């Protein structure tokens, strides 16, 4: 049960005494989880017996169970329980840009040239590249990596379905490369598919965080660093870190097979010009 949700939803149904306890808990969930019965009662300015009755009202046998649920709820972090003061709109725009720039510079410094060159070479020589990504930006950027490498003539396919990833992994061999994208590095479906692919000899490249199971399972690993702020309403800047790694990797691969890659790009440009026309500087298919 999501206790925080229940407390907020039932506030209007509670007695005045119970409502004081609920408001006291919601004011600081982490603190409420650490307080004893008498301390909770004192903070809400009610009796100890009232706190015990409140626990039963919320469906728990005793206050100890209530506190355990509060501790679990507070584990998500205060940034999702207490609203951060938003800056003025003009300042917010600048803050978003600053966070993106800071994230890009931090992550650029983490990209190792030797690893990037080795991974690009492996991808260029692969019989087939399969990109695995699930969830938010990882699923989107799996498609983006496919879009980038397809232009250079790579045989590549993106997948974000858990069952399909396992099925694909079971068909691979030593000439194939899996690119696994995961900001967290702990997504069970990705790790399971990677484990199957490794079992059949496929090589693994990844873009993920340091000291994660996915990084440990990879033959080549491009590091991501995540610097989340307490302002939860702004989308994560880690999206740009993933995109940076993809852009550097795809450019490195293109240069690795420069003559063939340039010919593929010329053909794409010709096909698009014949199809749609437009300015000569329009991007290729974007």
C-alpha atoms as a PDB file:
ATOM      1  CA  UNK A   1       0.000   0.000   0.000  1.00  0.00           C
ATOM      2  CA  UNK A   2       1.196   3.487  -0.859  1.00  0.00           C
ATOM      3  CA  UNK A   3       0.746   5.044   2.580  1.00  0.00           C
ATOM      4  CA  UNK A   4       1.448   8.608   1.428  1.00  0.00           C
ATOM      5  CA  UNK A   5      -1.276   8.339  -1.199  1.00  0.00           C
ATOM      6  CA  UNK A   6      -3.698   6.899   1.362  1.00  0.00           C
ATOM      7  CA  UNK A   7      -3.008   9.674   3.847  1.00  0.00           C
ATOM      8  CA  UNK A   8      -3.601  12.375   1.239  1.00  0.00           C
ATOM      9  CA  UNK A   9      -6.741  10.744  -0.135  1.00  0.00           C
ATOM     10  CA  UNK A  10      -8.344  10.131   3.252  1.00  0.00           C
ATOM     11  CA  UNK A  11      -7.604  13.458   4.913  1.00  0.00           C
ATOM     12  CA  UNK A  12     -11.166  14.689   4.453  1.00  0.00           C
ATOM     13  CA  UNK A  13     -12.535  11.460   5.965  1.00  0.00           C
ATOM     14  CA  UNK A  14     -10.455  11.558   9.154  1.00  0.00           C
ATOM     15  CA  UNK A  15     -11.545  12.977  12.472  1.00  0.00           C
ATOM     16  CA  UNK A  16      -9.947  16.278  13.540  1.00  0.00           C
ATOM     17  CA  UNK A  17      -7.531  14.389  15.825  1.00  0.00           C
ATOM     18  CA  UNK A  18      -6.607  11.872  13.120  1.00  0.00           C
ATOM     19  CA  UNK A  19      -6.196  14.696  10.600  1.00  0.00           C
ATOM     20  CA  UNK A  20      -3.678  16.406  12.917  1.00  0.00           C
ATOM     21  CA  UNK A  21      -1.649  13.196  13.030  1.00  0.00           C
ATOM     22  CA  UNK A  22      -1.824  12.795   9.258  1.00  0.00           C
ATOM     23  CA  UNK A  23      -0.752  16.404   8.648  1.00  0.00           C
ATOM     24  CA  UNK A  24       2.114  15.974  11.100  1.00  0.00           C
ATOM     25  CA  UNK A  25       3.331  12.870   9.264  1.00  0.00           C
ATOM     26  CA  UNK A  26       3.019  14.418   5.802  1.00  0.00           C
ATOM     27  CA  UNK A  27       4.950  17.496   6.943  1.00  0.00           C
ATOM     28  CA  UNK A  28       8.091  15.331   7.350  1.00  0.00           C
ATOM     29  CA  UNK A  29       7.689  11.658   6.469  1.00  0.00           C
ATOM     30  CA  UNK A  30      11.335  10.786   7.116  1.00  0.00           C
ATOM     31  CA  UNK A  31      11.209  12.253  10.621  1.00  0.00           C
ATOM     32  CA  UNK A  32       7.865  10.621  11.423  1.00  0.00           C
ATOM     33  CA  UNK A  33       9.338   7.225  10.518  1.00  0.00           C
ATOM     34  CA  UNK A  34      12.046   7.683  13.147  1.00  0.00           C
ATOM     35  CA  UNK A  35       9.902   8.956  16.028  1.00  0.00           C
ATOM     36  CA  UNK A  36       8.539   6.805  18.819  1.00  0.00           C
ATOM     37  CA  UNK A  37       4.838   6.702  19.705  1.00  0.00           C
ATOM     38  CA  UNK A  38       5.083   9.381  22.378  1.00  0.00           C
ATOM     39  CA  UNK A  39       7.165  11.621  20.116  1.00  0.00           C
ATOM     40  CA  UNK A  40       4.662  11.252  17.291  1.00  0.00           C
ATOM     41  CA  UNK A  41       1.878  12.126  19.721  1.00  0.00           C
ATOM     42  CA  UNK A  42       3.755  15.182  21.000  1.00  0.00           C
ATOM     43  CA  UNK A  43       4.521  16.398  17.481  1.00  0.00           C
ATOM     44  CA  UNK A  44       0.834  16.134  16.494  1.00  0.00           C
ATOM     45  CA  UNK A  45      -0.325  17.443  19.882  1.00  0.00           C
ATOM     46  CA  UNK A  46      -2.514  14.398  20.541  1.00  0.00           C
ATOM     47  CA  UNK A  47      -2.480  11.545  23.046  1.00  0.00           C
ATOM     48  CA  UNK A  48      -0.449   8.352  22.675  1.00  0.00           C
ATOM     49  CA  UNK A  49      -3.709   6.411  22.515  1.00  0.00           C
ATOM     50  CA  UNK A  50      -4.835   8.574  19.595  1.00  0.00           C
ATOM     51  CA  UNK A  51      -1.716   7.627  17.640  1.00  0.00           C
ATOM     52  CA  UNK A  52      -2.369   3.942  18.307  1.00  0.00           C
ATOM     53  CA  UNK A  53      -5.971   4.297  17.128  1.00  0.00           C
ATOM     54  CA  UNK A  54      -4.755   6.174  14.043  1.00  0.00           C
ATOM     55  CA  UNK A  55      -2.475   3.264  13.114  1.00  0.00           C
ATOM     56  CA  UNK A  56      -5.463   0.898  13.263  1.00  0.00           C
ATOM     57  CA  UNK A  57      -7.591   3.328  11.241  1.00  0.00           C
ATOM     58  CA  UNK A  58      -4.953   3.183   8.505  1.00  0.00           C
ATOM     59  CA  UNK A  59      -5.086  -0.622   8.541  1.00  0.00           C
ATOM     60  CA  UNK A  60      -2.076  -1.516  10.715  1.00  0.00           C
ATOM     61  CA  UNK A  61      -2.010  -3.681  13.832  1.00  0.00           C
ATOM     62  CA  UNK A  62       0.211  -1.266  15.719  1.00  0.00           C
ATOM     63  CA  UNK A  63       2.305   1.885  15.426  1.00  0.00           C
ATOM     64  CA  UNK A  64       5.419  -0.160  14.696  1.00  0.00           C
ATOM     65  CA  UNK A  65       3.902  -1.350  11.415  1.00  0.00           C
ATOM     66  CA  UNK A  66       2.856   2.203  10.571  1.00  0.00           C
ATOM     67  CA  UNK A  67       6.401   3.475  11.131  1.00  0.00           C
ATOM     68  CA  UNK A  68       7.803   0.674   8.952  1.00  0.00           C
ATOM     69  CA  UNK A  69       5.578   1.801   6.090  1.00  0.00           C
ATOM     70  CA  UNK A  70       6.604   5.404   6.657  1.00  0.00           C
ATOM     71  CA  UNK A  71      10.263   4.389   6.467  1.00  0.00           C
ATOM     72  CA  UNK A  72       9.598   2.623   3.172  1.00  0.00           C
ATOM     73  CA  UNK A  73       7.727   5.647   1.820  1.00  0.00           C
ATOM     74  CA  UNK A  74      10.505   8.038   2.820  1.00  0.00           C
ATOM     75  CA  UNK A  75      13.078   5.912   1.008  1.00  0.00           C
ATOM     76  CA  UNK A  76      12.058   7.501  -2.301  1.00  0.00           C
ATOM     77  CA  UNK A  77      13.740  10.698  -1.139  1.00  0.00           C
ATOM     78  CA  UNK A  78      12.602  14.046   0.164  1.00  0.00           C
ATOM     79  CA  UNK A  79      12.736  15.592  -3.307  1.00  0.00           C
ATOM     80  CA  UNK A  80       9.558  13.678  -4.183  1.00  0.00           C
ATOM     81  CA  UNK A  81       7.845  14.441  -0.877  1.00  0.00           C
ATOM     82  CA  UNK A  82       8.634  18.123  -0.416  1.00  0.00           C
ATOM     83  CA  UNK A  83       8.106  20.570  -3.251  1.00  0.00           C
ATOM     84  CA  UNK A  84      11.190  22.533  -4.212  1.00  0.00           C
ATOM     85  CA  UNK A  85      10.593  26.226  -4.761  1.00  0.00           C
ATOM     86  CA  UNK A  86      10.604  26.860  -8.504  1.00  0.00           C
ATOM     87  CA  UNK A  87      12.608  29.823  -9.791  1.00  0.00           C
ATOM     88  CA  UNK A  88      11.075  32.502 -11.965  1.00  0.00           C
ATOM     89  CA  UNK A  89      10.354  31.369 -15.509  1.00  0.00           C
ATOM     90  CA  UNK A  90      13.276  33.251 -17.049  1.00  0.00           C
ATOM     91  CA  UNK A  91      15.651  31.868 -14.425  1.00  0.00           C
ATOM     92  CA  UNK A  92      14.219  28.378 -14.917  1.00  0.00           C
ATOM     93  CA  UNK A  93      15.058  28.493 -18.620  1.00  0.00           C
ATOM     94  CA  UNK A  94      18.633  29.425 -17.810  1.00  0.00           C
ATOM     95  CA  UNK A  95      18.844  26.726 -15.105  1.00  0.00           C
ATOM     96  CA  UNK A  96      17.718  24.029 -17.540  1.00  0.00           C
ATOM     97  CA  UNK A  97      20.342  25.141 -20.046  1.00  0.00           C
ATOM     98  CA  UNK A  98      23.047  25.310 -17.372  1.00  0.00           C
ATOM     99  CA  UNK A  99      22.218  21.791 -16.148  1.00  0.00           C
ATOM    100  CA  UNK A 100      22.444  20.443 -19.698  1.00  0.00           C
ATOM    101  CA  UNK A 101      25.778  22.159 -20.325  1.00  0.00           C
ATOM    102  CA  UNK A 102      27.197  20.962 -17.001  1.00  0.00           C
ATOM    103  CA  UNK A 103      26.053  17.394 -17.678  1.00  0.00           C
ATOM    104  CA  UNK A 104      27.581  17.394 -21.163  1.00  0.00           C
ATOM    105  CA  UNK A 105      30.947  18.698 -19.984  1.00  0.00           C
ATOM    106  CA  UNK A 106      31.070  16.256 -17.072  1.00  0.00           C
ATOM    107  CA  UNK A 107      30.215  13.270 -19.244  1.00  0.00           C
ATOM    108  CA  UNK A 108      32.492  14.266 -22.110  1.00  0.00           C
ATOM    109  CA  UNK A 109      35.430  14.011 -19.705  1.00  0.00           C
ATOM    110  CA  UNK A 110      34.409  10.416 -18.877  1.00  0.00           C
ATOM    111  CA  UNK A 111      34.493   9.116 -22.464  1.00  0.00           C
ATOM    112  CA  UNK A 112      37.694   7.108 -22.977  1.00  0.00           C
ATOM    113  CA  UNK A 113      39.142   7.320 -26.462  1.00  0.00           C
ATOM    114  CA  UNK A 114      40.578   3.779 -26.466  1.00  0.00           C
ATOM    115  CA  UNK A 115      37.241   2.264 -25.458  1.00  0.00           C
ATOM    116  CA  UNK A 116      35.361   4.376 -27.990  1.00  0.00           C
ATOM    117  CA  UNK A 117      37.691   3.319 -30.819  1.00  0.00           C
ATOM    118  CA  UNK A 118      37.528  -0.355 -29.864  1.00  0.00           C
ATOM    119  CA  UNK A 119      33.732  -0.344 -29.608  1.00  0.00           C
ATOM    120  CA  UNK A 120      33.344   1.524 -32.908  1.00  0.00           C
ATOM    121  CA  UNK A 121      35.603  -1.026 -34.597  1.00  0.00           C
ATOM    122  CA  UNK A 122      33.599  -3.929 -33.174  1.00  0.00           C
ATOM    123  CA  UNK A 123      30.323  -2.384 -34.337  1.00  0.00           C
ATOM    124  CA  UNK A 124      31.727  -1.706 -37.822  1.00  0.00           C
ATOM    125  CA  UNK A 125      32.749  -5.339 -38.175  1.00  0.00           C
ATOM    126  CA  UNK A 126      29.681  -6.940 -36.618  1.00  0.00           C
ATOM    127  CA  UNK A 127      27.448  -9.256 -38.610  1.00  0.00           C
ATOM    128  CA  UNK A 128      24.465  -7.742 -36.767  1.00  0.00           C
ATOM    129  CA  UNK A 129      24.028  -5.111 -34.072  1.00  0.00           C
ATOM    130  CA  UNK A 130      21.082  -5.323 -31.696  1.00  0.00           C
ATOM    131  CA  UNK A 131      20.351  -2.335 -29.466  1.00  0.00           C
ATOM    132  CA  UNK A 132      18.470  -3.077 -26.231  1.00  0.00           C
ATOM    133  CA  UNK A 133      16.828  -0.286 -24.237  1.00  0.00           C
ATOM    134  CA  UNK A 134      13.811  -0.147 -21.947  1.00  0.00           C
ATOM    135  CA  UNK A 135      11.892   2.516 -20.087  1.00  0.00           C
ATOM    136  CA  UNK A 136      12.122   6.234 -20.830  1.00  0.00           C
ATOM    137  CA  UNK A 137      15.132   7.673 -22.624  1.00  0.00           C
ATOM    138  CA  UNK A 138      16.868   4.288 -23.006  1.00  0.00           C
ATOM    139  CA  UNK A 139      14.079   3.009 -25.261  1.00  0.00           C
ATOM    140  CA  UNK A 140      14.043   6.245 -27.268  1.00  0.00           C
ATOM    141  CA  UNK A 141      17.802   6.318 -27.662  1.00  0.00           C
ATOM    142  CA  UNK A 142      17.919   2.690 -28.766  1.00  0.00           C
ATOM    143  CA  UNK A 143      15.953   3.891 -31.786  1.00  0.00           C
ATOM    144  CA  UNK A 144      18.302   6.874 -32.097  1.00  0.00           C
ATOM    145  CA  UNK A 145      21.402   4.659 -32.167  1.00  0.00           C
ATOM    146  CA  UNK A 146      19.760   2.521 -34.842  1.00  0.00           C
ATOM    147  CA  UNK A 147      19.001   5.680 -36.811  1.00  0.00           C
ATOM    148  CA  UNK A 148      22.600   6.892 -36.553  1.00  0.00           C
ATOM    149  CA  UNK A 149      24.405   3.661 -37.467  1.00  0.00           C
ATOM    150  CA  UNK A 150      21.980   2.650 -40.213  1.00  0.00           C
ATOM    151  CA  UNK A 151      23.255   5.648 -42.215  1.00  0.00           C
ATOM    152  CA  UNK A 152      26.719   4.108 -42.339  1.00  0.00           C
ATOM    153  CA  UNK A 153      25.449   0.797 -43.720  1.00  0.00           C
ATOM    154  CA  UNK A 154      25.442  -1.078 -40.393  1.00  0.00           C
ATOM    155  CA  UNK A 155      23.001  -3.949 -39.992  1.00  0.00           C
ATOM    156  CA  UNK A 156      21.274  -2.808 -36.835  1.00  0.00           C
ATOM    157  CA  UNK A 157      17.923  -3.228 -35.090  1.00  0.00           C
ATOM    158  CA  UNK A 158      16.566  -1.689 -31.880  1.00  0.00           C
ATOM    159  CA  UNK A 159      14.344  -3.563 -29.428  1.00  0.00           C
ATOM    160  CA  UNK A 160      12.587  -2.463 -26.218  1.00  0.00           C
ATOM    161  CA  UNK A 161      10.368  -5.484 -25.534  1.00  0.00           C
ATOM    162  CA  UNK A 162      11.527  -7.765 -22.702  1.00  0.00           C
ATOM    163  CA  UNK A 163      10.454 -11.051 -24.290  1.00  0.00           C
ATOM    164  CA  UNK A 164      11.707 -10.101 -27.757  1.00  0.00           C
ATOM    165  CA  UNK A 165      15.110  -9.152 -26.318  1.00  0.00           C
ATOM    166  CA  UNK A 166      15.472 -12.634 -24.809  1.00  0.00           C
ATOM    167  CA  UNK A 167      14.422 -14.272 -28.071  1.00  0.00           C
ATOM    168  CA  UNK A 168      16.864 -12.173 -30.084  1.00  0.00           C
ATOM    169  CA  UNK A 169      19.664 -12.828 -27.591  1.00  0.00           C
ATOM    170  CA  UNK A 170      19.171 -16.579 -27.981  1.00  0.00           C
ATOM    171  CA  UNK A 171      19.827 -16.335 -31.756  1.00  0.00           C
ATOM    172  CA  UNK A 172      23.134 -14.472 -31.557  1.00  0.00           C
ATOM    173  CA  UNK A 173      26.705 -15.629 -31.960  1.00  0.00           C
ATOM    174  CA  UNK A 174      30.305 -14.476 -31.798  1.00  0.00           C
ATOM    175  CA  UNK A 175      29.956 -12.234 -34.865  1.00  0.00           C
ATOM    176  CA  UNK A 176      27.139 -10.210 -33.293  1.00  0.00           C
ATOM    177  CA  UNK A 177      27.248  -7.224 -30.920  1.00  0.00           C
ATOM    178  CA  UNK A 178      24.591  -6.153 -28.435  1.00  0.00           C
ATOM    179  CA  UNK A 179      24.499  -2.483 -27.457  1.00  0.00           C
ATOM    180  CA  UNK A 180      22.687  -2.193 -24.115  1.00  0.00           C
ATOM    181  CA  UNK A 181      21.508   1.257 -23.050  1.00  0.00           C
ATOM    182  CA  UNK A 182      20.529   1.792 -19.430  1.00  0.00           C
ATOM    183  CA  UNK A 183      20.936   4.900 -17.308  1.00  0.00           C
ATOM    184  CA  UNK A 184      20.486   2.876 -14.114  1.00  0.00           C
ATOM    185  CA  UNK A 185      22.486  -0.174 -15.182  1.00  0.00           C
ATOM    186  CA  UNK A 186      20.257  -2.440 -13.092  1.00  0.00           C
ATOM    187  CA  UNK A 187      17.179  -3.019 -15.285  1.00  0.00           C
ATOM    188  CA  UNK A 188      16.426  -6.750 -14.834  1.00  0.00           C
ATOM    189  CA  UNK A 189      15.121  -7.286 -18.379  1.00  0.00           C
ATOM    190  CA  UNK A 190      18.251  -5.785 -19.937  1.00  0.00           C
ATOM    191  CA  UNK A 191      20.571  -7.781 -17.690  1.00  0.00           C
ATOM    192  CA  UNK A 192      18.720 -11.019 -18.436  1.00  0.00           C
ATOM    193  CA  UNK A 193      18.906 -10.502 -22.205  1.00  0.00           C
ATOM    194  CA  UNK A 194      22.582  -9.545 -22.005  1.00  0.00           C
ATOM    195  CA  UNK A 195      23.320 -12.685 -19.983  1.00  0.00           C
ATOM    196  CA  UNK A 196      21.661 -14.862 -22.634  1.00  0.00           C
ATOM    197  CA  UNK A 197      23.531 -13.122 -25.457  1.00  0.00           C
ATOM    198  CA  UNK A 198      26.860 -13.558 -23.670  1.00  0.00           C
ATOM    199  CA  UNK A 199      26.099 -17.233 -23.174  1.00  0.00           C
ATOM    200  CA  UNK A 200      25.968 -17.665 -26.950  1.00  0.00           C
ATOM    201  CA  UNK A 201      29.181 -15.756 -27.560  1.00  0.00           C
ATOM    202  CA  UNK A 202      27.851 -12.331 -28.542  1.00  0.00           C
ATOM    203  CA  UNK A 203      29.912  -9.348 -27.455  1.00  0.00           C
ATOM    204  CA  UNK A 204      28.381  -6.614 -25.335  1.00  0.00           C
ATOM    205  CA  UNK A 205      28.760  -2.851 -25.514  1.00  0.00           C
ATOM    206  CA  UNK A 206      26.906  -0.591 -23.114  1.00  0.00           C
ATOM    207  CA  UNK A 207      26.232   2.992 -22.149  1.00  0.00           C
ATOM    208  CA  UNK A 208      25.546   3.065 -18.421  1.00  0.00           C
ATOM    209  CA  UNK A 209      26.765   4.117 -14.984  1.00  0.00           C
ATOM    210  CA  UNK A 210      29.952   3.026 -13.248  1.00  0.00           C
ATOM    211  CA  UNK A 211      29.872   0.068 -10.814  1.00  0.00           C
ATOM    212  CA  UNK A 212      26.642  -1.426 -12.125  1.00  0.00           C
ATOM    213  CA  UNK A 213      25.852  -5.025 -13.151  1.00  0.00           C
ATOM    214  CA  UNK A 214      25.490  -3.934 -16.768  1.00  0.00           C
ATOM    215  CA  UNK A 215      28.910  -2.271 -16.816  1.00  0.00           C
ATOM    216  CA  UNK A 216      30.443  -5.410 -15.310  1.00  0.00           C
ATOM    217  CA  UNK A 217      28.807  -7.613 -17.980  1.00  0.00           C
ATOM    218  CA  UNK A 218      30.084  -5.493 -20.885  1.00  0.00           C
ATOM    219  CA  UNK A 219      33.100  -6.005 -23.126  1.00  0.00           C
ATOM    220  CA  UNK A 220      33.076  -2.267 -23.867  1.00  0.00           C
ATOM    221  CA  UNK A 221      31.460   0.281 -21.591  1.00  0.00           C
ATOM    222  CA  UNK A 222      30.866   4.008 -22.088  1.00  0.00           C
ATOM    223  CA  UNK A 223      30.384   5.672 -18.714  1.00  0.00           C
ATOM    224  CA  UNK A 224      27.445   7.870 -17.766  1.00  0.00           C
ATOM    225  CA  UNK A 225      27.416  10.163 -14.741  1.00  0.00           C
ATOM    226  CA  UNK A 226      24.072  11.291 -13.375  1.00  0.00           C
ATOM    227  CA  UNK A 227      23.771  14.525 -11.403  1.00  0.00           C
ATOM    228  CA  UNK A 228      20.119  14.819 -10.418  1.00  0.00           C
ATOM    229  CA  UNK A 229      18.834  17.945  -8.698  1.00  0.00           C
ATOM    230  CA  UNK A 230      16.088  18.235  -6.080  1.00  0.00           C
ATOM    231  CA  UNK A 231      13.864  20.074  -8.566  1.00  0.00           C
ATOM    232  CA  UNK A 232      11.924  17.015  -9.750  1.00  0.00           C
ATOM    233  CA  UNK A 233       9.722  18.831 -12.268  1.00  0.00           C
ATOM    234  CA  UNK A 234      12.591  19.343 -14.711  1.00  0.00           C
ATOM    235  CA  UNK A 235      13.359  16.363 -16.984  1.00  0.00           C
ATOM    236  CA  UNK A 236      16.607  14.605 -16.183  1.00  0.00           C
ATOM    237  CA  UNK A 237      19.695  16.015 -17.863  1.00  0.00           C
ATOM    238  CA  UNK A 238      21.103  12.465 -18.109  1.00  0.00           C
ATOM    239  CA  UNK A 239      19.214  12.225 -21.414  1.00  0.00           C
ATOM    240  CA  UNK A 240      21.796  14.538 -22.922  1.00  0.00           C
ATOM    241  CA  UNK A 241      24.649  12.457 -21.518  1.00  0.00           C
ATOM    242  CA  UNK A 242      23.269   9.372 -23.287  1.00  0.00           C
ATOM    243  CA  UNK A 243      22.827  11.321 -26.520  1.00  0.00           C
ATOM    244  CA  UNK A 244      26.380  12.679 -26.262  1.00  0.00           C
ATOM    245  CA  UNK A 245      27.790   9.151 -25.983  1.00  0.00           C
ATOM    246  CA  UNK A 246      25.704   8.027 -28.976  1.00  0.00           C
ATOM    247  CA  UNK A 247      26.809  10.997 -31.095  1.00  0.00           C
ATOM    248  CA  UNK A 248      30.492  10.486 -30.298  1.00  0.00           C
ATOM    249  CA  UNK A 249      30.234   6.725 -30.887  1.00  0.00           C
ATOM    250  CA  UNK A 250      28.407   7.059 -34.205  1.00  0.00           C
ATOM    251  CA  UNK A 251      30.807   9.725 -35.469  1.00  0.00           C
ATOM    252  CA  UNK A 252      33.790   7.590 -34.473  1.00  0.00           C
ATOM    253  CA  UNK A 253      32.313   4.629 -36.329  1.00  0.00           C
ATOM    254  CA  UNK A 254      31.626   6.755 -39.397  1.00  0.00           C
ATOM    255  CA  UNK A 255      35.245   7.869 -39.493  1.00  0.00           C
ATOM    256  CA  UNK A 256      36.395   4.272 -38.910  1.00  0.00           C
ATOM    257  CA  UNK A 257      34.865   3.353 -42.285  1.00  0.00           C
ATOM    258  CA  UNK A 258      35.030   6.817 -43.804  1.00  0.00           C
ATOM    259  CA  UNK A 259      34.991   5.936 -47.515  1.00  0.00           C
ATOM    260  CA  UNK A 260      32.096   3.471 -47.292  1.00  0.00           C
ATOM    261  CA  UNK A 261      30.215   5.669 -44.809  1.00  0.00           C
ATOM    262  CA  UNK A 262      30.497   8.737 -47.027  1.00  0.00           C
ATOM    263  CA  UNK A 263      29.096   6.781 -49.967  1.00  0.00           C
ATOM    264  CA  UNK A 264      26.116   5.640 -47.873  1.00  0.00           C
ATOM    265  CA  UNK A 265      25.465   9.212 -46.768  1.00  0.00           C
ATOM    266  CA  UNK A 266      25.668  10.428 -50.391  1.00  0.00           C
ATOM    267  CA  UNK A 267      23.058   7.863 -51.428  1.00  0.00           C
ATOM    268  CA  UNK A 268      20.743   8.885 -48.595  1.00  0.00           C
ATOM    269  CA  UNK A 269      21.083  12.561 -49.541  1.00  0.00           C
ATOM    270  CA  UNK A 270      20.335  11.768 -53.175  1.00  0.00           C
ATOM    271  CA  UNK A 271      17.287   9.675 -52.265  1.00  0.00           C
ATOM    272  CA  UNK A 272      15.895  12.397 -49.991  1.00  0.00           C
ATOM    273  CA  UNK A 273      16.534  15.195 -52.499  1.00  0.00           C
ATOM    274  CA  UNK A 274      14.737  13.234 -55.198  1.00  0.00           C
ATOM    275  CA  UNK A 275      11.867  12.586 -52.804  1.00  0.00           C
ATOM    276  CA  UNK A 276      11.350  15.916 -51.078  1.00  0.00           C
ATOM    277  CA  UNK A 277      13.725  18.497 -52.486  1.00  0.00           C
ATOM    278  CA  UNK A 278      14.553  21.311 -50.084  1.00  0.00           C
ATOM    279  CA  UNK A 279      17.641  23.157 -48.972  1.00  0.00           C
ATOM    280  CA  UNK A 280      20.990  21.435 -49.460  1.00  0.00           C
ATOM    281  CA  UNK A 281      21.798  21.839 -45.737  1.00  0.00           C
ATOM    282  CA  UNK A 282      18.750  19.976 -44.442  1.00  0.00           C
ATOM    283  CA  UNK A 283      19.799  17.133 -42.109  1.00  0.00           C
ATOM    284  CA  UNK A 284      19.665  13.591 -43.419  1.00  0.00           C
ATOM    285  CA  UNK A 285      16.241  12.316 -42.474  1.00  0.00           C
ATOM    286  CA  UNK A 286      15.909  14.215 -39.182  1.00  0.00           C
END
